[in-house]
Amino acid sequence: MNVFVGEHLHVEPDIWGTMIGMALMLISLVAIPFLDKSEREPSGLVEAFDWRKRGWAFVAMAVFWLVMIIGVIQNFLAGPG
């Protein structure tokens, strides 16, 4: 995320990219248990992937993976220096 923040958002020092990325990922992971509205463990796939009960938890996990994937791809494509 350092490269993304430094190159695309022009924020210096670029360490803020790490701070922002880590904060977004931490908030997403901490929020999932609070956003999951089910009272018990799901008994099957249909209950496990019920968007009405777990929609916001899925969004939080998507934010986590989006930050992770953007950081990995951006660092892979970054030039030297």
PDB file of N, CA and C in Angstrom:
ATOM      1  N   MET A   1       0.816  -1.192   0.000  1.00  0.00           N
ATOM      2  CA  MET A   1       0.000   0.000   0.000  1.00  0.00           C
ATOM      3  C   MET A   1       0.863   1.261   0.000  1.00  0.00           C
ATOM      4  N   ASN A   2       2.128   1.152   0.404  1.00  0.00           N
ATOM      5  CA  ASN A   2       3.008   2.316   0.349  1.00  0.00           C
ATOM      6  C   ASN A   2       3.113   2.850  -1.069  1.00  0.00           C
ATOM      7  N   VAL A   3       3.293   1.953  -2.015  1.00  0.00           N
ATOM      8  CA  VAL A   3       3.455   2.357  -3.407  1.00  0.00           C
ATOM      9  C   VAL A   3       2.167   2.988  -3.915  1.00  0.00           C
ATOM     10  N   PHE A   4       1.026   2.413  -3.584  1.00  0.00           N
ATOM     11  CA  PHE A   4      -0.255   2.953  -4.028  1.00  0.00           C
ATOM     12  C   PHE A   4      -0.463   4.368  -3.498  1.00  0.00           C
ATOM     13  N   VAL A   5      -0.229   4.571  -2.210  1.00  0.00           N
ATOM     14  CA  VAL A   5      -0.433   5.889  -1.596  1.00  0.00           C
ATOM     15  C   VAL A   5       0.591   6.890  -2.115  1.00  0.00           C
ATOM     16  N   GLY A   6       1.829   6.464  -2.263  1.00  0.00           N
ATOM     17  CA  GLY A   6       2.869   7.376  -2.739  1.00  0.00           C
ATOM     18  C   GLY A   6       2.688   7.778  -4.187  1.00  0.00           C
ATOM     19  N   GLU A   7       2.394   6.826  -5.070  1.00  0.00           N
ATOM     20  CA  GLU A   7       2.304   7.120  -6.500  1.00  0.00           C
ATOM     21  C   GLU A   7       0.962   7.704  -6.916  1.00  0.00           C
ATOM     22  N   HIS A   8      -0.138   7.169  -6.385  1.00  0.00           N
ATOM     23  CA  HIS A   8      -1.461   7.564  -6.871  1.00  0.00           C
ATOM     24  C   HIS A   8      -2.115   8.669  -6.053  1.00  0.00           C
ATOM     25  N   LEU A   9      -1.856   8.707  -4.761  1.00  0.00           N
ATOM     26  CA  LEU A   9      -2.468   9.733  -3.922  1.00  0.00           C
ATOM     27  C   LEU A   9      -1.502  10.854  -3.575  1.00  0.00           C
ATOM     28  N   HIS A  10      -0.231  10.689  -3.921  1.00  0.00           N
ATOM     29  CA  HIS A  10       0.822  11.689  -3.703  1.00  0.00           C
ATOM     30  C   HIS A  10       0.895  12.132  -2.244  1.00  0.00           C
ATOM     31  N   VAL A  11       0.822  11.177  -1.342  1.00  0.00           N
ATOM     32  CA  VAL A  11       0.938  11.441   0.090  1.00  0.00           C
ATOM     33  C   VAL A  11       2.348  11.062   0.517  1.00  0.00           C
ATOM     34  N   GLU A  12       3.055  11.990   1.090  1.00  0.00           N
ATOM     35  CA  GLU A  12       4.406  11.728   1.578  1.00  0.00           C
ATOM     36  C   GLU A  12       4.448  11.975   3.075  1.00  0.00           C
ATOM     37  N   PRO A  13       5.138  11.266   3.873  1.00  0.00           N
ATOM     38  CA  PRO A  13       5.904  10.076   3.527  1.00  0.00           C
ATOM     39  C   PRO A  13       4.968   8.914   3.224  1.00  0.00           C
ATOM     40  N   ASP A  14       5.438   7.998   2.407  1.00  0.00           N
ATOM     41  CA  ASP A  14       4.587   6.913   1.950  1.00  0.00           C
ATOM     42  C   ASP A  14       4.305   5.863   3.026  1.00  0.00           C
ATOM     43  N   ILE A  15       4.844   6.018   4.220  1.00  0.00           N
ATOM     44  CA  ILE A  15       4.554   5.080   5.310  1.00  0.00           C
ATOM     45  C   ILE A  15       3.071   5.122   5.668  1.00  0.00           C
ATOM     46  N   TRP A  16       2.391   6.215   5.315  1.00  0.00           N
ATOM     47  CA  TRP A  16       0.964   6.304   5.603  1.00  0.00           C
ATOM     48  C   TRP A  16       0.190   5.234   4.843  1.00  0.00           C
ATOM     49  N   GLY A  17       0.729   4.765   3.734  1.00  0.00           N
ATOM     50  CA  GLY A  17       0.080   3.673   3.012  1.00  0.00           C
ATOM     51  C   GLY A  17      -0.001   2.416   3.851  1.00  0.00           C
ATOM     52  N   THR A  18       1.072   2.114   4.546  1.00  0.00           N
ATOM     53  CA  THR A  18       1.082   0.957   5.433  1.00  0.00           C
ATOM     54  C   THR A  18       0.098   1.152   6.578  1.00  0.00           C
ATOM     55  N   MET A  19       0.097   2.331   7.149  1.00  0.00           N
ATOM     56  CA  MET A  19      -0.805   2.611   8.273  1.00  0.00           C
ATOM     57  C   MET A  19      -2.273   2.520   7.844  1.00  0.00           C
ATOM     58  N   ILE A  20      -2.594   3.095   6.688  1.00  0.00           N
ATOM     59  CA  ILE A  20      -3.974   3.066   6.194  1.00  0.00           C
ATOM     60  C   ILE A  20      -4.379   1.637   5.859  1.00  0.00           C
ATOM     61  N   GLY A  21      -3.517   0.916   5.160  1.00  0.00           N
ATOM     62  CA  GLY A  21      -3.828  -0.469   4.791  1.00  0.00           C
ATOM     63  C   GLY A  21      -4.017  -1.360   6.001  1.00  0.00           C
ATOM     64  N   MET A  22      -3.122  -1.244   6.973  1.00  0.00           N
ATOM     65  CA  MET A  22      -3.242  -2.067   8.177  1.00  0.00           C
ATOM     66  C   MET A  22      -4.497  -1.709   8.963  1.00  0.00           C
ATOM     67  N   ALA A  23      -4.831  -0.425   9.035  1.00  0.00           N
ATOM     68  CA  ALA A  23      -6.028  -0.002   9.764  1.00  0.00           C
ATOM     69  C   ALA A  23      -7.290  -0.518   9.084  1.00  0.00           C
ATOM     70  N   LEU A  24      -7.365  -0.418   7.767  1.00  0.00           N
ATOM     71  CA  LEU A  24      -8.539  -0.928   7.045  1.00  0.00           C
ATOM     72  C   LEU A  24      -8.710  -2.437   7.228  1.00  0.00           C
ATOM     73  N   MET A  25      -7.592  -3.157   7.153  1.00  0.00           N
ATOM     74  CA  MET A  25      -7.669  -4.606   7.308  1.00  0.00           C
ATOM     75  C   MET A  25      -8.052  -4.993   8.740  1.00  0.00           C
ATOM     76  N   LEU A  26      -7.495  -4.306   9.728  1.00  0.00           N
ATOM     77  CA  LEU A  26      -7.820  -4.595  11.119  1.00  0.00           C
ATOM     78  C   LEU A  26      -9.280  -4.279  11.418  1.00  0.00           C
ATOM     79  N   ILE A  27      -9.754  -3.135  10.983  1.00  0.00           N
ATOM     80  CA  ILE A  27     -11.151  -2.764  11.211  1.00  0.00           C
ATOM     81  C   ILE A  27     -12.084  -3.764  10.549  1.00  0.00           C
ATOM     82  N   SER A  28     -11.745  -4.199   9.345  1.00  0.00           N
ATOM     83  CA  SER A  28     -12.579  -5.184   8.652  1.00  0.00           C
ATOM     84  C   SER A  28     -12.668  -6.493   9.428  1.00  0.00           C
ATOM     85  N   LEU A  29     -11.528  -6.997   9.883  1.00  0.00           N
ATOM     86  CA  LEU A  29     -11.529  -8.270  10.603  1.00  0.00           C
ATOM     87  C   LEU A  29     -12.207  -8.174  11.967  1.00  0.00           C
ATOM     88  N   VAL A  30     -12.043  -7.055  12.652  1.00  0.00           N
ATOM     89  CA  VAL A  30     -12.682  -6.888  13.957  1.00  0.00           C
ATOM     90  C   VAL A  30     -14.189  -6.712  13.800  1.00  0.00           C
ATOM     91  N   ALA A  31     -14.629  -6.094  12.707  1.00  0.00           N
ATOM     92  CA  ALA A  31     -16.052  -5.820  12.503  1.00  0.00           C
ATOM     93  C   ALA A  31     -16.859  -7.052  12.118  1.00  0.00           C
ATOM     94  N   ILE A  32     -16.238  -8.054  11.543  1.00  0.00           N
ATOM     95  CA  ILE A  32     -16.986  -9.207  11.033  1.00  0.00           C
ATOM     96  C   ILE A  32     -17.849  -9.882  12.098  1.00  0.00           C
ATOM     97  N   PRO A  33     -17.354 -10.191  13.286  1.00  0.00           N
ATOM     98  CA  PRO A  33     -18.227 -10.836  14.279  1.00  0.00           C
ATOM     99  C   PRO A  33     -19.403  -9.953  14.708  1.00  0.00           C
ATOM    100  N   PHE A  34     -19.227  -8.652  14.684  1.00  0.00           N
ATOM    101  CA  PHE A  34     -20.309  -7.750  15.074  1.00  0.00           C
ATOM    102  C   PHE A  34     -21.334  -7.565  13.962  1.00  0.00           C
ATOM    103  N   LEU A  35     -20.913  -7.738  12.712  1.00  0.00           N
ATOM    104  CA  LEU A  35     -21.812  -7.572  11.580  1.00  0.00           C
ATOM    105  C   LEU A  35     -22.567  -8.843  11.219  1.00  0.00           C
ATOM    106  N   ASP A  36     -22.085  -9.978  11.669  1.00  0.00           N
ATOM    107  CA  ASP A  36     -22.733 -11.267  11.390  1.00  0.00           C
ATOM    108  C   ASP A  36     -23.953 -11.396  12.298  1.00  0.00           C
ATOM    109  N   LYS A  37     -25.135 -11.394  11.705  1.00  0.00           N
ATOM    110  CA  LYS A  37     -26.374 -11.328  12.476  1.00  0.00           C
ATOM    111  C   LYS A  37     -26.940 -12.691  12.886  1.00  0.00           C
ATOM    112  N   SER A  38     -26.273 -13.763  12.603  1.00  0.00           N
ATOM    113  CA  SER A  38     -26.813 -15.078  12.938  1.00  0.00           C
ATOM    114  C   SER A  38     -26.616 -15.384  14.421  1.00  0.00           C
ATOM    115  N   GLU A  39     -27.582 -16.099  14.992  1.00  0.00           N
ATOM    116  CA  GLU A  39     -27.523 -16.453  16.409  1.00  0.00           C
ATOM    117  C   GLU A  39     -26.764 -17.745  16.661  1.00  0.00           C
ATOM    118  N   ARG A  40     -26.646 -18.587  15.638  1.00  0.00           N
ATOM    119  CA  ARG A  40     -26.007 -19.893  15.805  1.00  0.00           C
ATOM    120  C   ARG A  40     -25.158 -20.196  14.574  1.00  0.00           C
ATOM    121  N   GLU A  41     -24.394 -21.258  14.685  1.00  0.00           N
ATOM    122  CA  GLU A  41     -23.566 -21.693  13.561  1.00  0.00           C
ATOM    123  C   GLU A  41     -24.454 -22.213  12.428  1.00  0.00           C
ATOM    124  N   PRO A  42     -24.091 -21.942  11.185  1.00  0.00           N
ATOM    125  CA  PRO A  42     -24.907 -22.438  10.066  1.00  0.00           C
ATOM    126  C   PRO A  42     -24.812 -23.949   9.945  1.00  0.00           C
ATOM    127  N   SER A  43     -25.924 -24.554   9.529  1.00  0.00           N
ATOM    128  CA  SER A  43     -25.951 -26.010   9.395  1.00  0.00           C
ATOM    129  C   SER A  43     -25.633 -26.463   7.976  1.00  0.00           C
ATOM    130  N   GLY A  44     -25.552 -25.550   7.031  1.00  0.00           N
ATOM    131  CA  GLY A  44     -25.248 -25.926   5.654  1.00  0.00           C
ATOM    132  C   GLY A  44     -24.773 -24.729   4.860  1.00  0.00           C
ATOM    133  N   LEU A  45     -24.509 -24.950   3.583  1.00  0.00           N
ATOM    134  CA  LEU A  45     -24.006 -23.881   2.729  1.00  0.00           C
ATOM    135  C   LEU A  45     -25.028 -22.777   2.506  1.00  0.00           C
ATOM    136  N   VAL A  46     -26.290 -23.155   2.422  1.00  0.00           N
ATOM    137  CA  VAL A  46     -27.330 -22.148   2.193  1.00  0.00           C
ATOM    138  C   VAL A  46     -27.382 -21.162   3.355  1.00  0.00           C
ATOM    139  N   GLU A  47     -27.322 -21.651   4.559  1.00  0.00           N
ATOM    140  CA  GLU A  47     -27.310 -20.765   5.729  1.00  0.00           C
ATOM    141  C   GLU A  47     -25.991 -20.010   5.856  1.00  0.00           C
ATOM    142  N   ALA A  48     -24.897 -20.629   5.487  1.00  0.00           N
ATOM    143  CA  ALA A  48     -23.591 -19.984   5.613  1.00  0.00           C
ATOM    144  C   ALA A  48     -23.446 -18.803   4.660  1.00  0.00           C
ATOM    145  N   PHE A  49     -24.077 -18.875   3.503  1.00  0.00           N
ATOM    146  CA  PHE A  49     -23.968 -17.817   2.511  1.00  0.00           C
ATOM    147  C   PHE A  49     -25.256 -17.031   2.348  1.00  0.00           C
ATOM    148  N   ASP A  50     -26.018 -16.896   3.416  1.00  0.00           N
ATOM    149  CA  ASP A  50     -27.258 -16.124   3.394  1.00  0.00           C
ATOM    150  C   ASP A  50     -26.928 -14.643   3.470  1.00  0.00           C
ATOM    151  N   TRP A  51     -27.131 -13.913   2.373  1.00  0.00           N
ATOM    152  CA  TRP A  51     -26.778 -12.496   2.301  1.00  0.00           C
ATOM    153  C   TRP A  51     -27.653 -11.633   3.199  1.00  0.00           C
ATOM    154  N   ARG A  52     -28.878 -12.077   3.496  1.00  0.00           N
ATOM    155  CA  ARG A  52     -29.746 -11.280   4.365  1.00  0.00           C
ATOM    156  C   ARG A  52     -29.218 -11.231   5.790  1.00  0.00           C
ATOM    157  N   LYS A  53     -28.617 -12.313   6.256  1.00  0.00           N
ATOM    158  CA  LYS A  53     -28.087 -12.349   7.618  1.00  0.00           C
ATOM    159  C   LYS A  53     -26.622 -11.952   7.692  1.00  0.00           C
ATOM    160  N   ARG A  54     -25.867 -12.206   6.636  1.00  0.00           N
ATOM    161  CA  ARG A  54     -24.415 -12.006   6.683  1.00  0.00           C
ATOM    162  C   ARG A  54     -23.886 -11.049   5.635  1.00  0.00           C
ATOM    163  N   GLY A  55     -24.736 -10.246   5.039  1.00  0.00           N
ATOM    164  CA  GLY A  55     -24.317  -9.360   3.950  1.00  0.00           C
ATOM    165  C   GLY A  55     -23.220  -8.391   4.323  1.00  0.00           C
ATOM    166  N   TRP A  56     -23.358  -7.700   5.459  1.00  0.00           N
ATOM    167  CA  TRP A  56     -22.352  -6.724   5.861  1.00  0.00           C
ATOM    168  C   TRP A  56     -21.046  -7.397   6.271  1.00  0.00           C
ATOM    169  N   ALA A  57     -21.129  -8.597   6.802  1.00  0.00           N
ATOM    170  CA  ALA A  57     -19.912  -9.339   7.132  1.00  0.00           C
ATOM    171  C   ALA A  57     -19.155  -9.709   5.847  1.00  0.00           C
ATOM    172  N   PHE A  58     -19.896 -10.066   4.798  1.00  0.00           N
ATOM    173  CA  PHE A  58     -19.260 -10.355   3.508  1.00  0.00           C
ATOM    174  C   PHE A  58     -18.614  -9.098   2.930  1.00  0.00           C
ATOM    175  N   VAL A  59     -19.247  -7.948   3.101  1.00  0.00           N
ATOM    176  CA  VAL A  59     -18.676  -6.691   2.611  1.00  0.00           C
ATOM    177  C   VAL A  59     -17.379  -6.377   3.362  1.00  0.00           C
ATOM    178  N   ALA A  60     -17.380  -6.584   4.670  1.00  0.00           N
ATOM    179  CA  ALA A  60     -16.168  -6.338   5.452  1.00  0.00           C
ATOM    180  C   ALA A  60     -15.030  -7.258   5.005  1.00  0.00           C
ATOM    181  N   MET A  61     -15.338  -8.511   4.737  1.00  0.00           N
ATOM    182  CA  MET A  61     -14.303  -9.431   4.263  1.00  0.00           C
ATOM    183  C   MET A  61     -13.842  -9.059   2.862  1.00  0.00           C
ATOM    184  N   ALA A  62     -14.741  -8.549   2.035  1.00  0.00           N
ATOM    185  CA  ALA A  62     -14.357  -8.097   0.697  1.00  0.00           C
ATOM    186  C   ALA A  62     -13.414  -6.896   0.783  1.00  0.00           C
ATOM    187  N   VAL A  63     -13.651  -5.989   1.732  1.00  0.00           N
ATOM    188  CA  VAL A  63     -12.748  -4.848   1.919  1.00  0.00           C
ATOM    189  C   VAL A  63     -11.362  -5.347   2.321  1.00  0.00           C
ATOM    190  N   PHE A  64     -11.312  -6.317   3.232  1.00  0.00           N
ATOM    191  CA  PHE A  64     -10.033  -6.895   3.644  1.00  0.00           C
ATOM    192  C   PHE A  64      -9.274  -7.429   2.431  1.00  0.00           C
ATOM    193  N   TRP A  65      -9.939  -8.260   1.628  1.00  0.00           N
ATOM    194  CA  TRP A  65      -9.260  -8.863   0.483  1.00  0.00           C
ATOM    195  C   TRP A  65      -8.934  -7.846  -0.600  1.00  0.00           C
ATOM    196  N   LEU A  66      -9.761  -6.824  -0.765  1.00  0.00           N
ATOM    197  CA  LEU A  66      -9.481  -5.795  -1.752  1.00  0.00           C
ATOM    198  C   LEU A  66      -8.199  -5.039  -1.397  1.00  0.00           C
ATOM    199  N   VAL A  67      -8.060  -4.664  -0.138  1.00  0.00           N
ATOM    200  CA  VAL A  67      -6.841  -3.985   0.303  1.00  0.00           C
ATOM    201  C   VAL A  67      -5.631  -4.899   0.124  1.00  0.00           C
ATOM    202  N   MET A  68      -5.779  -6.163   0.473  1.00  0.00           N
ATOM    203  CA  MET A  68      -4.676  -7.120   0.339  1.00  0.00           C
ATOM    204  C   MET A  68      -4.260  -7.277  -1.126  1.00  0.00           C
ATOM    205  N   ILE A  69      -5.206  -7.456  -2.006  1.00  0.00           N
ATOM    206  CA  ILE A  69      -4.905  -7.693  -3.422  1.00  0.00           C
ATOM    207  C   ILE A  69      -4.334  -6.441  -4.078  1.00  0.00           C
ATOM    208  N   ILE A  70      -4.896  -5.269  -3.775  1.00  0.00           N
ATOM    209  CA  ILE A  70      -4.357  -4.026  -4.338  1.00  0.00           C
ATOM    210  C   ILE A  70      -2.908  -3.834  -3.898  1.00  0.00           C
ATOM    211  N   GLY A  71      -2.621  -4.083  -2.628  1.00  0.00           N
ATOM    212  CA  GLY A  71      -1.248  -3.933  -2.136  1.00  0.00           C
ATOM    213  C   GLY A  71      -0.284  -4.885  -2.806  1.00  0.00           C
ATOM    214  N   VAL A  72      -0.671  -6.131  -2.957  1.00  0.00           N
ATOM    215  CA  VAL A  72       0.221  -7.118  -3.576  1.00  0.00           C
ATOM    216  C   VAL A  72       0.457  -6.798  -5.045  1.00  0.00           C
ATOM    217  N   ILE A  73      -0.600  -6.491  -5.781  1.00  0.00           N
ATOM    218  CA  ILE A  73      -0.449  -6.196  -7.217  1.00  0.00           C
ATOM    219  C   ILE A  73       0.357  -4.917  -7.424  1.00  0.00           C
ATOM    220  N   GLN A  74       0.063  -3.884  -6.633  1.00  0.00           N
ATOM    221  CA  GLN A  74       0.784  -2.621  -6.785  1.00  0.00           C
ATOM    222  C   GLN A  74       2.267  -2.798  -6.489  1.00  0.00           C
ATOM    223  N   ASN A  75       2.612  -3.562  -5.470  1.00  0.00           N
ATOM    224  CA  ASN A  75       4.017  -3.795  -5.171  1.00  0.00           C
ATOM    225  C   ASN A  75       4.689  -4.644  -6.240  1.00  0.00           C
ATOM    226  N   PHE A  76       3.956  -5.578  -6.830  1.00  0.00           N
ATOM    227  CA  PHE A  76       4.510  -6.397  -7.898  1.00  0.00           C
ATOM    228  C   PHE A  76       4.803  -5.569  -9.136  1.00  0.00           C
ATOM    229  N   LEU A  77       3.927  -4.623  -9.452  1.00  0.00           N
ATOM    230  CA  LEU A  77       4.074  -3.821 -10.658  1.00  0.00           C
ATOM    231  C   LEU A  77       4.939  -2.583 -10.467  1.00  0.00           C
ATOM    232  N   ALA A  78       5.315  -2.281  -9.244  1.00  0.00           N
ATOM    233  CA  ALA A  78       6.099  -1.062  -8.979  1.00  0.00           C
ATOM    234  C   ALA A  78       7.486  -1.168  -9.567  1.00  0.00           C
ATOM    235  N   GLY A  79       7.952  -0.060 -10.038  1.00  0.00           N
ATOM    236  CA  GLY A  79       9.298   0.004 -10.594  1.00  0.00           C
ATOM    237  C   GLY A  79      10.334   0.092  -9.478  1.00  0.00           C
ATOM    238  N   PRO A  80      11.608  -0.009  -9.844  1.00  0.00           N
ATOM    239  CA  PRO A  80      12.655   0.088  -8.826  1.00  0.00           C
ATOM    240  C   PRO A  80      12.739   1.498  -8.247  1.00  0.00           C
ATOM    241  N   GLY A  81      13.153   1.563  -6.986  1.00  0.00           N
ATOM    242  CA  GLY A  81      13.364   2.863  -6.359  1.00  0.00           C
ATOM    243  C   GLY A  81      12.229   3.238  -5.557  1.00  0.00           C
TER     244      GLY A  81
END
